[in-house]
C-alpha atoms as a PDB file:
ATOM      1  CA  MET A   1      87.921 118.112  60.359  1.00  0.00           C
ATOM      2  CA  ALA A   2      90.621 119.809  62.223  1.00  0.00           C
ATOM      3  CA  HIS A   3      88.038 119.823  65.513  1.00  0.00           C
ATOM      4  CA  ALA A   4      87.659 116.320  64.555  1.00  0.00           C
ATOM      5  CA  LEU A   5      90.648 115.525  64.433  1.00  0.00           C
ATOM      6  CA  ALA A   6      91.235 116.974  67.987  1.00  0.00           C
ATOM      7  CA  CYS A   7      88.463 114.891  69.407  1.00  0.00           C
ATOM      8  CA  ARG A   8      89.598 111.750  68.445  1.00  0.00           C
ATOM      9  CA  VAL A   9      93.135 112.910  69.725  1.00  0.00           C
ATOM     10  CA  HIS A  10      91.665 113.714  72.545  1.00  0.00           C
ATOM     11  CA  THR A  11      90.037 110.565  73.541  1.00  0.00           C
ATOM     12  CA  ARG A  12      92.434 108.290  72.331  1.00  0.00           C
ATOM     13  CA  VAL A  13      94.826 109.950  75.351  1.00  0.00           C
ATOM     14  CA  ASN A  14      91.792 109.109  77.374  1.00  0.00           C
ATOM     15  CA  ALA A  15      91.307 105.696  76.719  1.00  0.00           C
ATOM     16  CA  LEU A  16      94.842 105.481  77.354  1.00  0.00           C
ATOM     17  CA  TYR A  17      94.785 107.304  80.563  1.00  0.00           C
ATOM     18  CA  ASN A  18      92.246 104.699  81.883  1.00  0.00           C
ATOM     19  CA  SER A  19      92.886 101.853  79.805  1.00  0.00           C
ATOM     20  CA  PRO A  20      94.911  98.856  82.108  1.00  0.00           C
ATOM     21  CA  LEU A  21      98.318 100.531  81.271  1.00  0.00           C
ATOM     22  CA  GLU A  22     101.666  98.827  82.484  1.00  0.00           C
ATOM     23  CA  PRO A  23     104.325 100.414  83.726  1.00  0.00           C
ATOM     24  CA  VAL A  24     107.488  99.967  82.492  1.00  0.00           C
ATOM     25  CA  SER A  25     110.529  97.077  84.951  1.00  0.00           C
ATOM     26  CA  HIS A  26     113.943  99.112  84.804  1.00  0.00           C
ATOM     27  CA  TYR A  27     116.881  98.118  87.950  1.00  0.00           C
ATOM     28  CA  TYR A  28     119.690 100.413  88.867  1.00  0.00           C
ATOM     29  CA  TYR A  29     122.736  99.618  91.730  1.00  0.00           C
ATOM     30  CA  SER A  30     122.914 100.848  95.203  1.00  0.00           C
ATOM     31  CA  ASP A  31     125.528  99.751  98.045  1.00  0.00           C
ATOM     32  CA  ARG A  32     126.445  96.349  95.656  1.00  0.00           C
ATOM     33  CA  LEU A  33     122.487  95.338  95.411  1.00  0.00           C
ATOM     34  CA  LYS A  34     120.241  95.101  92.048  1.00  0.00           C
ATOM     35  CA  LEU A  35     117.297  96.578  92.285  1.00  0.00           C
ATOM     36  CA  GLN A  36     114.170  97.285  90.954  1.00  0.00           C
ATOM     37  CA  PHE A  37     111.976 100.361  89.514  1.00  0.00           C
ATOM     38  CA  TRP A  38     108.701 100.836  87.362  1.00  0.00           C
ATOM     39  CA  ASP A  39     108.634 104.485  85.093  1.00  0.00           C
ATOM     40  CA  TRP A  40     105.380 104.591  84.683  1.00  0.00           C
ATOM     41  CA  GLY A  41     106.212 107.470  82.965  1.00  0.00           C
ATOM     42  CA  GLN A  42     105.470 110.054  79.889  1.00  0.00           C
ATOM     43  CA  ASP A  43     108.008 113.116  80.119  1.00  0.00           C
ATOM     44  CA  ARG A  44     105.461 115.194  78.700  1.00  0.00           C
ATOM     45  CA  ALA A  45     101.735 116.438  79.473  1.00  0.00           C
ATOM     46  CA  GLU A  46      99.213 117.010  77.100  1.00  0.00           C
ATOM     47  CA  ASP A  47      99.916 120.832  76.421  1.00  0.00           C
ATOM     48  CA  GLY A  48     103.437 120.051  76.034  1.00  0.00           C
ATOM     49  CA  HIS A  49     105.038 121.223  78.841  1.00  0.00           C
ATOM     50  CA  GLY A  50     107.459 118.641  81.197  1.00  0.00           C
ATOM     51  CA  LEU A  51     106.602 116.704  84.179  1.00  0.00           C
ATOM     52  CA  SER A  52     108.062 116.919  87.123  1.00  0.00           C
ATOM     53  CA  PRO A  53     109.296 113.381  88.836  1.00  0.00           C
ATOM     54  CA  LEU A  54     107.024 112.181  91.666  1.00  0.00           C
ATOM     55  CA  LEU A  55     108.636 108.758  93.225  1.00  0.00           C
ATOM     56  CA  LEU A  56     106.067 106.291  95.147  1.00  0.00           C
ATOM     57  CA  VAL A  57     108.131 104.141  98.146  1.00  0.00           C
ATOM     58  CA  HIS A  58     105.714 101.015  99.632  1.00  0.00           C
ATOM     59  CA  GLY A  59     106.164 100.165 103.160  1.00  0.00           C
ATOM     60  CA  GLY A  60     107.332  97.195 104.343  1.00  0.00           C
ATOM     61  CA  LEU A  61     106.175  93.578 103.578  1.00  0.00           C
ATOM     62  CA  ASP A  62     104.838  94.953 100.197  1.00  0.00           C
ATOM     63  CA  HIS A  63     106.514  95.722  96.746  1.00  0.00           C
ATOM     64  CA  ALA A  64     105.621  98.705  94.249  1.00  0.00           C
ATOM     65  CA  ARG A  65     103.160  97.619  92.536  1.00  0.00           C
ATOM     66  CA  ASN A  66     100.855  98.409  95.517  1.00  0.00           C
ATOM     67  CA  TRP A  67     100.221 101.714  93.792  1.00  0.00           C
ATOM     68  CA  ASP A  68      99.236 101.021  90.347  1.00  0.00           C
ATOM     69  CA  TRP A  69      96.036 102.815  91.299  1.00  0.00           C
ATOM     70  CA  VAL A  70      97.301 106.041  92.578  1.00  0.00           C
ATOM     71  CA  ALA A  71     100.008 105.680  89.448  1.00  0.00           C
ATOM     72  CA  ARG A  72      97.420 105.622  86.605  1.00  0.00           C
ATOM     73  CA  SER A  73      96.208 108.778  87.813  1.00  0.00           C
ATOM     74  CA  LEU A  74      99.117 111.070  88.890  1.00  0.00           C
ATOM     75  CA  ARG A  75     100.762 110.264  85.468  1.00  0.00           C
ATOM     76  CA  ARG A  76      98.756 113.118  84.453  1.00  0.00           C
ATOM     77  CA  HIS A  77     100.537 115.035  86.082  1.00  0.00           C
ATOM     78  CA  PHE A  78     103.666 113.907  86.911  1.00  0.00           C
ATOM     79  CA  HIS A  79     106.481 111.215  85.910  1.00  0.00           C
ATOM     80  CA  VAL A  80     105.934 108.707  87.867  1.00  0.00           C
ATOM     81  CA  TYR A  81     107.868 105.522  89.589  1.00  0.00           C
ATOM     82  CA  ALA A  82     107.456 103.517  92.327  1.00  0.00           C
ATOM     83  CA  MET A  83     110.748 101.604  93.398  1.00  0.00           C
ATOM     84  CA  ASP A  84     110.903  98.069  95.701  1.00  0.00           C
ATOM     85  CA  LEU A  85     112.787  98.656  98.314  1.00  0.00           C
ATOM     86  CA  ARG A  86     115.686  96.436  99.266  1.00  0.00           C
ATOM     87  CA  GLY A  87     114.651  92.858 100.429  1.00  0.00           C
ATOM     88  CA  HIS A  88     110.497  93.639  98.798  1.00  0.00           C
ATOM     89  CA  GLY A  89     108.944  92.856  95.445  1.00  0.00           C
ATOM     90  CA  ASN A  90     111.449  92.185  92.337  1.00  0.00           C
ATOM     91  CA  SER A  91     114.385  93.744  94.021  1.00  0.00           C
ATOM     92  CA  ALA A  92     118.110  92.086  96.129  1.00  0.00           C
ATOM     93  CA  TRP A  93     117.800  90.817  99.270  1.00  0.00           C
ATOM     94  CA  ALA A  94     120.986  92.071 101.460  1.00  0.00           C
ATOM     95  CA  PRO A  95     122.203  88.992 102.914  1.00  0.00           C
ATOM     96  CA  GLY A  96     123.913  90.065 106.604  1.00  0.00           C
ATOM     97  CA  ALA A  97     122.227  93.283 106.453  1.00  0.00           C
ATOM     98  CA  ILE A  98     119.983  94.025 108.910  1.00  0.00           C
ATOM     99  CA  TYR A  99     117.568  97.002 106.323  1.00  0.00           C
ATOM    100  CA  THR A 100     118.559  99.793 108.329  1.00  0.00           C
ATOM    101  CA  LEU A 101     115.979 102.794 107.423  1.00  0.00           C
ATOM    102  CA  ALA A 102     120.308 104.182 106.986  1.00  0.00           C
ATOM    103  CA  GLU A 103     120.130 101.890 104.345  1.00  0.00           C
ATOM    104  CA  HIS A 104     116.351 101.992 102.551  1.00  0.00           C
ATOM    105  CA  VAL A 105     117.654 105.635 102.423  1.00  0.00           C
ATOM    106  CA  LEU A 106     120.683 105.252 100.577  1.00  0.00           C
ATOM    107  CA  ASP A 107     119.001 103.352  98.198  1.00  0.00           C
ATOM    108  CA  ILE A 108     116.384 105.888  97.715  1.00  0.00           C
ATOM    109  CA  SER A 109     118.868 108.906  97.486  1.00  0.00           C
ATOM    110  CA  THR A 110     121.067 106.690  94.672  1.00  0.00           C
ATOM    111  CA  LEU A 111     117.570 106.291  92.558  1.00  0.00           C
ATOM    112  CA  ILE A 112     117.079 109.975  92.864  1.00  0.00           C
ATOM    113  CA  ASP A 113     120.176 110.333  91.335  1.00  0.00           C
ATOM    114  CA  VAL A 114     119.810 108.692  88.643  1.00  0.00           C
ATOM    115  CA  LEU A 115     116.023 110.040  87.697  1.00  0.00           C
ATOM    116  CA  SER A 116     116.607 114.046  88.088  1.00  0.00           C
ATOM    117  CA  THR A 117     118.459 116.394  88.296  1.00  0.00           C
ATOM    118  CA  GLY A 118     116.165 118.018  90.133  1.00  0.00           C
ATOM    119  CA  PRO A 119     113.571 118.918  92.971  1.00  0.00           C
ATOM    120  CA  VAL A 120     111.341 115.454  92.873  1.00  0.00           C
ATOM    121  CA  HIS A 121     107.672 114.893  94.458  1.00  0.00           C
ATOM    122  CA  LEU A 122     108.049 111.933  96.927  1.00  0.00           C
ATOM    123  CA  ILE A 123     104.865 109.901  98.423  1.00  0.00           C
ATOM    124  CA  GLY A 124     105.585 106.963 100.961  1.00  0.00           C
ATOM    125  CA  HIS A 125     103.585 104.802 102.962  1.00  0.00           C
ATOM    126  CA  SER A 126     103.940 103.670 106.103  1.00  0.00           C
ATOM    127  CA  LEU A 127     108.269 102.429 106.054  1.00  0.00           C
ATOM    128  CA  GLY A 128     108.020 104.403 102.950  1.00  0.00           C
ATOM    129  CA  GLY A 129     106.469 107.989 104.234  1.00  0.00           C
ATOM    130  CA  ILE A 130     109.277 107.412 106.898  1.00  0.00           C
ATOM    131  CA  LEU A 131     111.890 106.922 104.845  1.00  0.00           C
ATOM    132  CA  THR A 132     110.340 109.870 102.315  1.00  0.00           C
ATOM    133  CA  LEU A 133     110.317 112.025 104.954  1.00  0.00           C
ATOM    134  CA  LEU A 134     113.908 111.525 106.235  1.00  0.00           C
ATOM    135  CA  TYR A 135     115.030 111.840 102.538  1.00  0.00           C
ATOM    136  CA  ALA A 136     113.368 115.282 102.673  1.00  0.00           C
ATOM    137  CA  GLY A 137     115.234 116.158 106.082  1.00  0.00           C
ATOM    138  CA  LEU A 138     118.142 115.415 104.660  1.00  0.00           C
ATOM    139  CA  TYR A 139     118.448 116.757 101.228  1.00  0.00           C
ATOM    140  CA  PRO A 140     115.995 119.625 101.418  1.00  0.00           C
ATOM    141  CA  ASP A 141     116.627 121.234  98.384  1.00  0.00           C
ATOM    142  CA  ARG A 142     116.034 117.722  96.189  1.00  0.00           C
ATOM    143  CA  VAL A 143     112.326 117.856  97.162  1.00  0.00           C
ATOM    144  CA  ARG A 144     109.573 119.522  96.278  1.00  0.00           C
ATOM    145  CA  LYS A 145     107.006 118.561  98.242  1.00  0.00           C
ATOM    146  CA  VAL A 146     105.800 115.172 100.368  1.00  0.00           C
ATOM    147  CA  ILE A 147     102.679 113.086 101.277  1.00  0.00           C
ATOM    148  CA  ALA A 148     103.520 110.692 103.818  1.00  0.00           C
ATOM    149  CA  ILE A 149     100.423 108.174 104.812  1.00  0.00           C
ATOM    150  CA  GLU A 150     101.383 106.533 108.436  1.00  0.00           C
ATOM    151  CA  GLY A 151     104.807 107.632 108.091  1.00  0.00           C
ATOM    152  CA  LEU A 152     105.885 108.994 111.228  1.00  0.00           C
ATOM    153  CA  GLY A 153     107.520 106.274 112.398  1.00  0.00           C
ATOM    154  CA  LEU A 154     106.232 103.602 115.173  1.00  0.00           C
ATOM    155  CA  PRO A 155     104.743 104.836 118.530  1.00  0.00           C
ATOM    156  CA  ALA A 156     106.682 105.589 121.435  1.00  0.00           C
ATOM    157  CA  SER A 157     104.976 102.302 123.439  1.00  0.00           C
ATOM    158  CA  HIS A 158     106.848  99.885 120.381  1.00  0.00           C
ATOM    159  CA  ARG A 159     109.454  98.122 121.484  1.00  0.00           C
ATOM    160  CA  ILE A 160     111.793  99.648 119.108  1.00  0.00           C
ATOM    161  CA  HIS A 161     112.181 102.769 121.504  1.00  0.00           C
ATOM    162  CA  LYS A 162     112.368 101.013 124.386  1.00  0.00           C
ATOM    163  CA  PRO A 163     116.331 100.826 126.209  1.00  0.00           C
ATOM    164  CA  ALA A 164     119.048 100.000 124.596  1.00  0.00           C
ATOM    165  CA  PRO A 165     120.364  96.786 126.419  1.00  0.00           C
ATOM    166  CA  GLU A 166     115.897  95.001 125.899  1.00  0.00           C
ATOM    167  CA  ARG A 167     116.018  96.426 121.997  1.00  0.00           C
ATOM    168  CA  MET A 168     119.793  94.910 121.393  1.00  0.00           C
ATOM    169  CA  ARG A 169     118.614  90.991 122.703  1.00  0.00           C
ATOM    170  CA  HIS A 170     115.362  91.569 121.023  1.00  0.00           C
ATOM    171  CA  TRP A 171     117.087  92.153 117.711  1.00  0.00           C
ATOM    172  CA  ILE A 172     119.172  89.113 118.725  1.00  0.00           C
ATOM    173  CA  ALA A 173     116.385  86.965 119.367  1.00  0.00           C
ATOM    174  CA  SER A 174     114.641  88.032 116.445  1.00  0.00           C
ATOM    175  CA  VAL A 175     117.387  87.058 113.834  1.00  0.00           C
ATOM    176  CA  ARG A 176     117.883  83.567 115.583  1.00  0.00           C
ATOM    177  CA  LYS A 177     114.110  82.825 115.525  1.00  0.00           C
ATOM    178  CA  ILE A 178     113.963  83.215 111.913  1.00  0.00           C
ATOM    179  CA  GLU A 179     117.232  81.465 111.296  1.00  0.00           C
ATOM    180  CA  HIS A 180     114.792  78.682 111.444  1.00  0.00           C
ATOM    181  CA  ARG A 181     111.732  79.910 110.322  1.00  0.00           C
ATOM    182  CA  GLU A 182     110.772  78.251 106.816  1.00  0.00           C
ATOM    183  CA  PRO A 183     109.165  79.940 104.168  1.00  0.00           C
ATOM    184  CA  HIS A 184     105.195  80.444 104.357  1.00  0.00           C
ATOM    185  CA  ASN A 185     103.556  78.608 100.964  1.00  0.00           C
ATOM    186  CA  TYR A 186     100.044  78.755 100.205  1.00  0.00           C
ATOM    187  CA  PRO A 187      98.903  76.046  98.312  1.00  0.00           C
ATOM    188  CA  ASN A 188      96.867  78.281  95.881  1.00  0.00           C
ATOM    189  CA  LEU A 189      96.284  81.583  94.865  1.00  0.00           C
ATOM    190  CA  ASP A 190      93.018  81.939  96.009  1.00  0.00           C
ATOM    191  CA  ALA A 191      94.432  81.167 100.085  1.00  0.00           C
ATOM    192  CA  ALA A 192      97.266  84.082  99.303  1.00  0.00           C
ATOM    193  CA  VAL A 193      94.353  86.563  98.255  1.00  0.00           C
ATOM    194  CA  ALA A 194      92.687  85.753 102.089  1.00  0.00           C
ATOM    195  CA  ARG A 195      95.314  86.224 103.825  1.00  0.00           C
ATOM    196  CA  MET A 196      95.778  89.635 102.286  1.00  0.00           C
ATOM    197  CA  LYS A 197      92.640  90.074 102.589  1.00  0.00           C
ATOM    198  CA  GLU A 198      93.076  89.291 106.534  1.00  0.00           C
ATOM    199  CA  ALA A 199      96.074  91.833 106.782  1.00  0.00           C
ATOM    200  CA  ASN A 200      93.273  94.251 105.093  1.00  0.00           C
ATOM    201  CA  PRO A 201      89.690  93.251 105.337  1.00  0.00           C
ATOM    202  CA  HIS A 202      88.676  96.512 103.234  1.00  0.00           C
ATOM    203  CA  LEU A 203      90.256  95.426 100.547  1.00  0.00           C
ATOM    204  CA  SER A 204      87.922  94.147  97.609  1.00  0.00           C
ATOM    205  CA  ASP A 205      88.555  91.060  95.617  1.00  0.00           C
ATOM    206  CA  GLN A 206      90.157  92.757  93.060  1.00  0.00           C
ATOM    207  CA  VAL A 207      92.832  94.913  94.698  1.00  0.00           C
ATOM    208  CA  ALA A 208      93.393  91.421  97.078  1.00  0.00           C
ATOM    209  CA  ARG A 209      93.771  89.860  94.040  1.00  0.00           C
ATOM    210  CA  HIS A 210      95.960  92.430  91.918  1.00  0.00           C
ATOM    211  CA  LEU A 211      98.160  93.030  95.146  1.00  0.00           C
ATOM    212  CA  THR A 212      98.869  89.151  95.237  1.00  0.00           C
ATOM    213  CA  LEU A 213      99.790  88.528  92.049  1.00  0.00           C
ATOM    214  CA  HIS A 214     102.166  90.653  92.565  1.00  0.00           C
ATOM    215  CA  GLY A 215     103.704  90.403  95.802  1.00  0.00           C
ATOM    216  CA  THR A 216     104.505  86.373  95.344  1.00  0.00           C
ATOM    217  CA  ASN A 217     106.298  83.965  93.488  1.00  0.00           C
ATOM    218  CA  TRP A 218     105.210  80.269  92.501  1.00  0.00           C
ATOM    219  CA  ASN A 219     106.955  77.332  93.790  1.00  0.00           C
ATOM    220  CA  ALA A 220     107.841  74.166  91.915  1.00  0.00           C
ATOM    221  CA  ASP A 221     105.182  72.683  93.370  1.00  0.00           C
ATOM    222  CA  GLY A 222     102.712  75.107  92.472  1.00  0.00           C
ATOM    223  CA  SER A 223     102.543  76.978  95.303  1.00  0.00           C
ATOM    224  CA  LEU A 224     103.053  80.374  96.082  1.00  0.00           C
ATOM    225  CA  SER A 225     104.886  82.213  98.374  1.00  0.00           C
ATOM    226  CA  TRP A 226     105.840  86.193  99.658  1.00  0.00           C
ATOM    227  CA  LYS A 227     108.552  87.618  97.946  1.00  0.00           C
ATOM    228  CA  PHE A 228     110.133  90.143 100.407  1.00  0.00           C
ATOM    229  CA  ASP A 229     112.563  88.397 102.223  1.00  0.00           C
ATOM    230  CA  ASN A 230     111.331  87.521 106.092  1.00  0.00           C
ATOM    231  CA  TYR A 231     114.819  89.329 107.333  1.00  0.00           C
ATOM    232  CA  VAL A 232     112.997  92.405 106.770  1.00  0.00           C
ATOM    233  CA  ARG A 233     110.994  91.620 109.754  1.00  0.00           C
ATOM    234  CA  CYS A 234     113.278  92.225 112.361  1.00  0.00           C
ATOM    235  CA  PHE A 235     113.416  96.230 113.497  1.00  0.00           C
ATOM    236  CA  ALA A 236     117.386  97.814 113.599  1.00  0.00           C
ATOM    237  CA  PRO A 237     118.361  97.652 117.051  1.00  0.00           C
ATOM    238  CA  TYR A 238     118.745 100.819 117.256  1.00  0.00           C
ATOM    239  CA  ALA A 239     117.025 104.510 118.720  1.00  0.00           C
ATOM    240  CA  HIS A 240     115.157 106.415 116.125  1.00  0.00           C
ATOM    241  CA  MET A 241     112.542 108.696 117.814  1.00  0.00           C
ATOM    242  CA  GLU A 242     115.550 111.229 118.879  1.00  0.00           C
ATOM    243  CA  ASP A 243     117.067 111.077 114.962  1.00  0.00           C
ATOM    244  CA  GLN A 244     113.895 111.470 113.324  1.00  0.00           C
ATOM    245  CA  ARG A 245     113.033 114.801 115.331  1.00  0.00           C
ATOM    246  CA  ALA A 246     116.263 115.934 114.379  1.00  0.00           C
ATOM    247  CA  ILE A 247     115.574 115.209 110.519  1.00  0.00           C
ATOM    248  CA  TYR A 248     112.446 115.830 110.172  1.00  0.00           C
ATOM    249  CA  ALA A 249     112.919 119.586 111.237  1.00  0.00           C
ATOM    250  CA  GLU A 250     115.412 120.213 108.236  1.00  0.00           C
ATOM    251  CA  ILE A 251     112.272 119.554 105.783  1.00  0.00           C
ATOM    252  CA  ALA A 252     112.072 122.349 104.281  1.00  0.00           C
ATOM    253  CA  CYS A 253     109.133 121.749 101.419  1.00  0.00           C
ATOM    254  CA  PRO A 254     105.202 121.608 102.890  1.00  0.00           C
ATOM    255  CA  VAL A 255     104.427 118.482 103.462  1.00  0.00           C
ATOM    256  CA  LEU A 256     100.960 116.200 104.174  1.00  0.00           C
ATOM    257  CA  LEU A 257     100.831 113.545 106.800  1.00  0.00           C
ATOM    258  CA  VAL A 258      97.649 111.427 105.843  1.00  0.00           C
ATOM    259  CA  TRP A 259      96.042 109.032 108.623  1.00  0.00           C
ATOM    260  CA  GLY A 260      93.672 106.604 109.135  1.00  0.00           C
ATOM    261  CA  ARG A 261      91.107 106.979 111.411  1.00  0.00           C
ATOM    262  CA  GLU A 262      91.024 103.481 112.294  1.00  0.00           C
ATOM    263  CA  SER A 263      94.608 103.158 112.268  1.00  0.00           C
ATOM    264  CA  TRP A 264      96.786 101.563 115.679  1.00  0.00           C
ATOM    265  CA  MET A 265      99.527 104.366 114.134  1.00  0.00           C
ATOM    266  CA  PRO A 266      99.888 107.723 115.910  1.00  0.00           C
ATOM    267  CA  ASP A 267      97.270 109.929 115.425  1.00  0.00           C
ATOM    268  CA  PRO A 268      99.882 113.106 114.095  1.00  0.00           C
ATOM    269  CA  ASP A 269      98.099 116.096 115.566  1.00  0.00           C
ATOM    270  CA  THR A 270      99.469 114.045 119.350  1.00  0.00           C
ATOM    271  CA  GLU A 271     103.118 112.830 117.882  1.00  0.00           C
ATOM    272  CA  ASP A 272     105.880 115.306 118.623  1.00  0.00           C
ATOM    273  CA  ARG A 273     107.904 114.044 115.569  1.00  0.00           C
ATOM    274  CA  ALA A 274     105.172 115.641 113.265  1.00  0.00           C
ATOM    275  CA  SER A 275     105.653 119.152 115.240  1.00  0.00           C
ATOM    276  CA  VAL A 276     108.915 119.498 114.130  1.00  0.00           C
ATOM    277  CA  ILE A 277     108.006 119.402 110.592  1.00  0.00           C
ATOM    278  CA  ARG A 278     107.104 123.458 110.291  1.00  0.00           C
ATOM    279  CA  ASN A 279     105.763 123.638 106.535  1.00  0.00           C
ATOM    280  CA  ARG A 280     102.554 120.646 107.303  1.00  0.00           C
ATOM    281  CA  GLN A 281      99.255 119.441 106.856  1.00  0.00           C
ATOM    282  CA  VAL A 282      97.251 116.635 108.557  1.00  0.00           C
ATOM    283  CA  LEU A 283      94.843 114.832 106.200  1.00  0.00           C
ATOM    284  CA  LYS A 284      92.753 112.403 108.505  1.00  0.00           C
ATOM    285  CA  VAL A 285      90.428 110.034 106.844  1.00  0.00           C
ATOM    286  CA  ASP A 286      87.504 108.385 107.714  1.00  0.00           C
ATOM    287  CA  GLY A 287      86.677 104.328 107.138  1.00  0.00           C
ATOM    288  CA  ALA A 288      90.466 103.811 105.977  1.00  0.00           C
ATOM    289  CA  GLY A 289      92.686 102.046 108.585  1.00  0.00           C
ATOM    290  CA  HIS A 290      97.103 101.795 108.050  1.00  0.00           C
ATOM    291  CA  TRP A 291      96.892 101.900 104.204  1.00  0.00           C
ATOM    292  CA  VAL A 292      94.676 104.848 103.572  1.00  0.00           C
ATOM    293  CA  HIS A 293      96.007 104.712  99.351  1.00  0.00           C
ATOM    294  CA  HIS A 294      93.734 101.598  99.204  1.00  0.00           C
ATOM    295  CA  ASP A 295      90.859 102.066 101.970  1.00  0.00           C
ATOM    296  CA  ARG A 296      90.060 105.565 100.377  1.00  0.00           C
ATOM    297  CA  LEU A 297      91.228 105.680  97.128  1.00  0.00           C
ATOM    298  CA  ASP A 298      89.039 108.278  96.004  1.00  0.00           C
ATOM    299  CA  LEU A 299      89.638 110.517  98.531  1.00  0.00           C
ATOM    300  CA  PHE A 300      93.502 110.002  99.067  1.00  0.00           C
ATOM    301  CA  LEU A 301      93.348 110.912  94.802  1.00  0.00           C
ATOM    302  CA  GLU A 302      91.191 113.939  95.049  1.00  0.00           C
ATOM    303  CA  ALA A 303      93.583 114.996  98.642  1.00  0.00           C
ATOM    304  CA  SER A 304      96.613 114.410  96.762  1.00  0.00           C
ATOM    305  CA  LYS A 305      96.298 116.381  93.536  1.00  0.00           C
ATOM    306  CA  ARG A 306      94.845 119.003  95.270  1.00  0.00           C
ATOM    307  CA  PHE A 307      97.725 119.168  97.768  1.00  0.00           C
ATOM    308  CA  LEU A 308     101.037 118.550  95.334  1.00  0.00           C
ATOM    309  CA  LEU A 309      99.206 120.708  92.321  1.00  0.00           C
ATOM    310  CA  GLU A 310      98.586 123.933  94.044  1.00  0.00           C
ATOM    311  CA  THR A 311     101.360 126.998  93.780  1.00  0.00           C
END
């Protein structure tokens, strides 16, 4: 009788993990902005032991719900949270701000202080990968492990690394241009989904629809527009590579750098910003571009669990 009850409980638990579970929405304040995060969690695992916090940080022009498949899997082992960066998802836009790395790291620091008194695990993609590495270097005692997907930073050839006068002129021109830019609307959901798939051809119809539904707002005329603030497109006119190297060198925890072999981002093995991270591993993924956690979810989850759970 006890064995049968245990089996039924175990079956219900497995059904919960494999069901289309929805996270709980919360808000917090940072730098006078109201920012959203999603709580996937439970405080204790099946064996009754406490779960360490894990924060997921998305990339530019993205949103927290792009992590849903990762969160559903990793919540078995961690208390998972996913945040909407300022200017993205359901978080507030920052009028007059320039969405610098420093401002984003400030928001992450504030949220981690809200969520936990102890060290956390971090997973970030693209811009989110940069931010998690920066936070780990600034507060090495607050981080257990980091997984950065395509998160070292823009290639050395990118215009953001040009001489200061050129960077400043380009930033001013970008802001002035966006001041006159009208939001791009899509006549229906299918059109917005098609644009999502154009950005990443690896996406299945199901995943593209999910990302679009959570990444758009409906307008009064029935059209859709993306949630992110267009001003996040303007890269701040400050040099970052030297600062990144200095901060990455302070990272004390193990780091897994994930790179898609079809990506336009730099290979970690040829990137000097990666070389200063002392305790690093590199995972190169075939059949994946910039969004490795979408393009090869199965492989990413397997590698992530192995890295995060090993002692």
